[in-house]
Amino acid sequence: MVLTATLNAKGVYYEMLNRHIRELVAKGETTVILENVLGQRYIGGGLNADVTITINGTPGQDLGAFMNGPAIIVHGNAQDGIGNTMNAGTIVVHGK
């Protein structure tokens, strides 16, 4: 069963956004959609779950750092440091 949650990241500090993502994954969400992302760091960092995170916007540094298995799809541009020390998973960036 696919459980989908959507979060509006506009103006949300990166620590709070990542906390919300972890809470959703812990509750069994398999798809998390992030809207209005603008520079929030460490999205997907350290996650070890079968989850797909779709990002609409531009994530900050260290996207997917220390990640173990999730898939991250970015609809926008991304900064350097993507997948920094990532162990497993997929990161796709549909940007320039």
Protein backbone atom coordinates (compact mmCIF):
# COMPACT_ATOMS: atom_id res chain seq x y z
CA MET A 1 0.00 0.00 0.00
CA VAL A 2 1.30 3.44 -0.95
CA LEU A 3 0.90 6.13 1.69
CA THR A 4 1.62 9.64 0.46
CA ALA A 5 2.20 12.79 2.49
CA THR A 6 2.76 16.30 1.18
CA LEU A 7 4.67 18.95 3.13
CA ASN A 8 4.93 22.65 2.32
CA ALA A 9 8.55 23.57 3.03
CA LYS A 10 8.16 27.30 2.40
CA GLY A 11 9.95 29.11 5.22
CA VAL A 12 10.48 25.89 7.23
CA TYR A 13 13.90 25.62 8.88
CA TYR A 14 15.83 22.60 7.64
CA GLU A 15 15.95 20.84 11.03
CA MET A 16 12.17 21.02 11.40
CA LEU A 17 11.60 19.86 7.82
CA ASN A 18 13.87 16.85 8.32
CA ARG A 19 12.16 16.04 11.61
CA HIS A 20 8.76 16.02 9.84
CA ILE A 21 10.11 13.75 7.11
CA ARG A 22 11.49 11.29 9.68
CA GLU A 23 8.19 11.27 11.58
CA LEU A 24 6.25 10.51 8.39
CA VAL A 25 8.61 7.71 7.44
CA ALA A 26 8.36 6.25 10.97
CA LYS A 27 4.56 6.24 10.60
CA GLY A 28 4.86 4.17 7.42
CA GLU A 29 4.61 6.78 4.67
CA THR A 30 6.15 5.44 1.47
CA THR A 31 6.00 8.64 -0.56
CA VAL A 32 6.77 12.13 0.71
CA ILE A 33 6.27 15.14 -1.55
CA LEU A 34 7.99 18.38 -0.57
CA GLU A 35 6.67 21.60 -2.09
CA ASN A 36 8.42 25.00 -2.15
CA VAL A 37 11.83 23.72 -1.09
CA LEU A 38 14.43 26.48 -1.10
CA GLY A 39 17.84 25.65 0.33
CA GLN A 40 16.87 23.29 3.16
CA ARG A 41 19.86 21.06 3.89
CA TYR A 42 20.28 17.35 4.62
CA ILE A 43 16.96 16.24 3.11
CA GLY A 44 16.89 12.44 3.24
CA GLY A 45 20.07 12.38 5.29
CA GLY A 46 20.60 9.14 7.18
CA LEU A 47 17.25 7.65 6.17
CA ASN A 48 17.18 3.87 6.03
CA ALA A 49 13.74 3.09 4.63
CA ASP A 50 11.86 2.20 1.48
CA VAL A 51 10.57 5.69 0.75
CA THR A 52 10.47 8.02 -2.24
CA ILE A 53 10.93 11.72 -1.57
CA THR A 54 9.90 14.07 -4.37
CA ILE A 55 11.27 17.59 -4.04
CA ASN A 56 9.71 20.47 -5.92
CA GLY A 57 12.21 23.30 -5.64
CA THR A 58 15.92 23.61 -4.91
CA PRO A 59 17.30 21.62 -1.97
CA GLY A 60 20.39 22.72 -0.06
CA GLN A 61 23.70 21.07 0.68
CA ASP A 62 24.24 17.39 1.43
CA LEU A 63 21.03 16.09 -0.11
CA GLY A 64 20.86 12.38 0.75
CA ALA A 65 23.97 12.35 2.92
CA PHE A 66 24.46 9.01 4.71
CA MET A 67 21.28 7.72 3.04
CA ASN A 68 20.62 3.95 2.90
CA GLY A 69 18.07 3.05 0.24
CA PRO A 70 15.50 5.81 -0.31
CA ALA A 71 14.89 7.42 -3.68
CA ILE A 72 14.96 11.20 -4.02
CA ILE A 73 13.60 12.92 -7.12
CA VAL A 74 14.29 16.64 -7.51
CA HIS A 75 12.17 18.75 -9.86
CA GLY A 76 14.44 21.76 -9.93
CA ASN A 77 18.13 22.49 -9.60
CA ALA A 78 20.40 21.15 -6.89
CA GLN A 79 23.56 22.28 -5.16
CA ASP A 80 26.84 20.43 -4.89
CA GLY A 81 27.36 17.81 -2.22
CA ILE A 82 24.50 15.61 -3.47
CA GLY A 83 24.82 12.09 -2.10
CA ASN A 84 27.77 13.03 0.09
CA THR A 85 28.80 9.75 1.74
CA MET A 86 25.56 8.11 0.55
CA ASN A 87 25.61 4.35 1.07
CA ALA A 88 22.67 3.23 -1.10
CA GLY A 89 19.67 4.66 -2.88
CA THR A 90 18.88 6.81 -5.88
CA ILE A 91 18.97 10.57 -6.45
CA VAL A 92 17.61 11.99 -9.71
CA VAL A 93 17.78 15.73 -10.48
CA HIS A 94 15.57 17.14 -13.22
CA GLY A 95 17.25 20.54 -13.44
CA LYS A 96 19.94 22.37 -15.30
